[in-house]
Amino acid sequence: MGRTAARAGMLERAETHYVQSLAANKTPEAAGEYGILLVGTGRADKAMPLLEYCVEQLPAHERAAGALGLALMEKRRYQEAFARLDAVLGAGFKQVALIRPFIQCAHQINRLEECLERVRAYVEFHTDNVELMGDYAELLLALSRPEEARECLDMARLTRPDNPRIQALLENIQHEGL
């Protein structure tokens, strides 16, 4: 309980800091950072204008652009979210945390095939990220590509043989006779 209270206190202090910073000087950076915080706490409505302002003024602010994509998903604006997340993910290989929401968004709008190459590139760049490999394998399975999924999971198992998610996915492939 103490740790939760401490986190809540830190969050309150961070929010106070961003609100004061915006009141003193509405910079795109401050708007973006506060918007990111708001998205992280489930307040997409409040975050979206801040993130839109930040991204409009600073198009290269990847974290704000990614948070805007997440906010759009929360508002069920999946087409816009997909485009935003795809652009952010295409700018480099730093935004691994956006891969799973990107796949979820693609699933919502039946664009799984379109996100495959982007996700594959991330897997090839982050060869030690077992969770990312699991996400990719699930994407391959959703696209009825069990052999490719099995290959990916076998590679993941070499890195982390004790990972329960990877084991469960492999067992599912075996059980389904895929």
Protein backbone atom coordinates (compact mmCIF):
# COMPACT_ATOMS: atom_id res chain seq x y z
CA MET A 1 0.00 0.00 0.00
CA GLY A 2 2.86 2.39 0.83
CA ARG A 3 4.38 1.93 -2.63
CA THR A 4 1.03 2.67 -4.30
CA ALA A 5 0.59 5.80 -2.20
CA ALA A 6 4.12 6.88 -3.05
CA ARG A 7 3.44 6.42 -6.76
CA ALA A 8 0.18 8.34 -6.45
CA GLY A 9 2.05 11.13 -4.67
CA MET A 10 4.71 11.22 -7.38
CA LEU A 11 2.01 11.32 -10.04
CA GLU A 12 0.26 14.21 -8.30
CA ARG A 13 3.55 16.11 -8.04
CA ALA A 14 4.32 15.46 -11.71
CA GLU A 15 0.88 16.62 -12.75
CA THR A 16 1.19 19.75 -10.61
CA HIS A 17 4.57 20.43 -12.22
CA TYR A 18 3.18 20.14 -15.75
CA VAL A 19 0.11 22.25 -14.99
CA GLN A 20 2.32 25.00 -13.53
CA SER A 21 4.72 24.76 -16.45
CA LEU A 22 1.87 25.12 -18.93
CA ALA A 23 0.36 28.03 -17.01
CA ALA A 24 3.70 29.86 -16.98
CA ASN A 25 4.65 29.16 -20.57
CA LYS A 26 2.67 26.90 -22.87
CA THR A 27 5.57 25.35 -24.70
CA PRO A 28 5.02 22.43 -27.05
CA GLU A 29 7.40 20.34 -24.95
CA ALA A 30 5.46 20.96 -21.74
CA ALA A 31 2.16 20.29 -23.51
CA GLY A 32 3.54 17.05 -24.89
CA GLU A 33 4.93 15.81 -21.59
CA TYR A 34 1.72 16.61 -19.75
CA GLY A 35 -0.32 14.98 -22.52
CA ILE A 36 1.81 11.83 -22.24
CA LEU A 37 1.15 11.76 -18.50
CA LEU A 38 -2.59 12.18 -19.08
CA VAL A 39 -2.72 9.34 -21.62
CA GLY A 40 -0.83 7.14 -19.18
CA THR A 41 -3.49 7.78 -16.57
CA GLY A 42 -6.44 7.15 -18.89
CA ARG A 43 -7.46 10.74 -19.61
CA ALA A 44 -7.36 10.82 -23.39
CA ASP A 45 -9.96 13.58 -23.71
CA LYS A 46 -7.84 15.99 -21.72
CA ALA A 47 -4.61 14.83 -23.38
CA MET A 48 -5.57 15.07 -27.02
CA PRO A 49 -5.51 18.86 -27.48
CA LEU A 50 -2.16 19.07 -25.69
CA LEU A 51 -0.66 16.28 -27.77
CA GLU A 52 -2.07 17.68 -31.01
CA TYR A 53 -0.53 21.07 -30.18
CA CYS A 54 2.82 19.48 -29.37
CA VAL A 55 2.91 17.32 -32.51
CA GLU A 56 1.79 20.24 -34.68
CA GLN A 57 4.62 22.40 -33.33
CA LEU A 58 7.20 19.62 -32.96
CA PRO A 59 6.47 16.91 -35.55
CA ALA A 60 9.59 14.95 -34.51
CA HIS A 61 8.38 14.53 -30.89
CA GLU A 62 7.94 10.75 -31.17
CA ARG A 63 6.74 10.19 -27.62
CA ALA A 64 3.95 12.76 -27.97
CA ALA A 65 2.99 11.42 -31.40
CA GLY A 66 2.87 7.89 -30.00
CA ALA A 67 0.79 9.02 -27.03
CA LEU A 68 -1.57 10.76 -29.46
CA GLY A 69 -1.96 7.45 -31.28
CA LEU A 70 -2.82 5.75 -27.98
CA ALA A 71 -5.31 8.50 -27.13
CA LEU A 72 -6.95 8.06 -30.53
CA MET A 73 -7.25 4.33 -29.83
CA GLU A 74 -8.86 5.05 -26.48
CA LYS A 75 -11.41 7.21 -28.32
CA ARG A 76 -11.94 4.32 -30.78
CA ARG A 77 -10.66 6.37 -33.69
CA TYR A 78 -8.74 3.38 -34.99
CA GLN A 79 -7.99 4.52 -38.54
CA GLU A 80 -6.34 7.71 -37.29
CA ALA A 81 -4.59 5.82 -34.50
CA PHE A 82 -3.21 3.26 -36.96
CA ALA A 83 -1.81 5.98 -39.22
CA ARG A 84 -0.27 7.85 -36.28
CA LEU A 85 1.29 4.74 -34.71
CA ASP A 86 2.57 3.51 -38.07
CA ALA A 87 4.29 6.85 -38.67
CA VAL A 88 5.90 6.84 -35.22
CA LEU A 89 7.04 3.24 -35.53
CA GLY A 90 8.43 3.96 -38.97
CA ALA A 91 10.61 6.78 -37.65
CA GLY A 92 12.99 4.40 -35.89
CA PHE A 93 13.18 1.44 -33.57
CA LYS A 94 12.85 3.21 -30.22
CA GLN A 95 9.12 2.85 -29.61
CA VAL A 96 8.86 -0.89 -28.87
CA ALA A 97 6.09 -0.27 -26.33
CA LEU A 98 3.81 0.86 -29.17
CA ILE A 99 4.00 -2.44 -31.08
CA ARG A 100 1.29 -4.24 -29.12
CA PRO A 101 -1.20 -1.33 -29.35
CA PHE A 102 -0.33 -1.02 -33.06
CA ILE A 103 -1.24 -4.67 -33.61
CA GLN A 104 -4.41 -4.28 -31.54
CA CYS A 105 -5.38 -1.25 -33.58
CA ALA A 106 -4.69 -3.09 -36.85
CA HIS A 107 -6.86 -5.95 -35.61
CA GLN A 108 -9.75 -3.56 -34.91
CA ILE A 109 -9.73 -2.26 -38.48
CA ASN A 110 -8.74 -5.49 -40.27
CA ARG A 111 -5.32 -4.24 -41.32
CA LEU A 112 -3.14 -6.97 -39.80
CA GLU A 113 -1.38 -7.72 -43.07
CA GLU A 114 -0.43 -4.04 -43.39
CA CYS A 115 1.30 -3.95 -40.02
CA LEU A 116 3.23 -7.21 -40.54
CA GLU A 117 6.36 -5.71 -42.14
CA ARG A 118 6.62 -2.95 -39.54
CA VAL A 119 6.40 -5.47 -36.69
CA ARG A 120 8.84 -7.84 -38.42
CA ALA A 121 11.39 -5.03 -38.73
CA TYR A 122 11.14 -4.36 -34.99
CA VAL A 123 11.62 -8.06 -34.20
CA GLU A 124 14.68 -8.19 -36.44
CA PHE A 125 16.13 -5.09 -34.76
CA HIS A 126 15.31 -6.14 -31.17
CA THR A 127 16.39 -9.77 -31.39
CA ASP A 128 16.56 -10.18 -27.61
CA ASN A 129 13.03 -8.93 -26.88
CA VAL A 130 11.07 -12.10 -26.19
CA GLU A 131 7.76 -10.30 -25.53
CA LEU A 132 8.04 -8.61 -28.91
CA MET A 133 8.66 -12.00 -30.50
CA GLY A 134 5.53 -13.28 -28.79
CA ASP A 135 3.51 -10.36 -30.18
CA TYR A 136 4.88 -11.06 -33.64
CA ALA A 137 4.08 -14.78 -33.36
CA GLU A 138 0.51 -13.96 -32.32
CA LEU A 139 0.22 -11.65 -35.33
CA LEU A 140 1.47 -14.44 -37.60
CA LEU A 141 -1.03 -16.87 -36.09
CA ALA A 142 -3.85 -14.36 -36.64
CA LEU A 143 -2.75 -14.25 -40.29
CA SER A 144 -2.78 -18.09 -40.50
CA ARG A 145 0.99 -18.41 -40.75
CA PRO A 146 1.72 -21.05 -38.10
CA GLU A 147 5.08 -22.20 -39.51
CA GLU A 148 6.50 -18.67 -39.38
CA ALA A 149 5.06 -18.25 -35.89
CA ARG A 150 6.69 -21.49 -34.76
CA GLU A 151 10.08 -20.36 -36.13
CA CYS A 152 9.78 -17.06 -34.26
CA LEU A 153 8.76 -18.82 -31.05
CA ASP A 154 11.61 -21.31 -31.36
CA MET A 155 14.03 -18.36 -31.56
CA ALA A 156 12.38 -16.76 -28.54
CA ARG A 157 12.65 -20.02 -26.62
CA LEU A 158 16.40 -20.07 -27.26
CA THR A 159 16.65 -16.67 -25.58
CA ARG A 160 14.24 -17.39 -22.71
CA PRO A 161 13.37 -21.09 -22.43
CA ASP A 162 11.35 -20.48 -19.26
CA ASN A 163 9.00 -17.84 -20.70
CA PRO A 164 5.44 -19.08 -20.01
CA ARG A 165 3.84 -17.05 -22.80
CA ILE A 166 6.20 -18.47 -25.42
CA GLN A 167 5.64 -21.99 -24.08
CA ALA A 168 1.86 -21.52 -24.18
CA LEU A 169 1.93 -20.26 -27.76
CA LEU A 170 4.09 -23.21 -28.86
CA GLU A 171 1.78 -25.64 -27.07
CA ASN A 172 -1.22 -24.00 -28.76
CA ILE A 173 0.37 -24.51 -32.18
CA GLN A 174 1.07 -28.15 -31.37
CA HIS A 175 -2.40 -28.72 -29.92
CA GLU A 176 -4.08 -27.19 -32.95
CA GLY A 177 -1.92 -29.32 -35.21
CA LEU A 178 -0.69 -26.27 -37.02
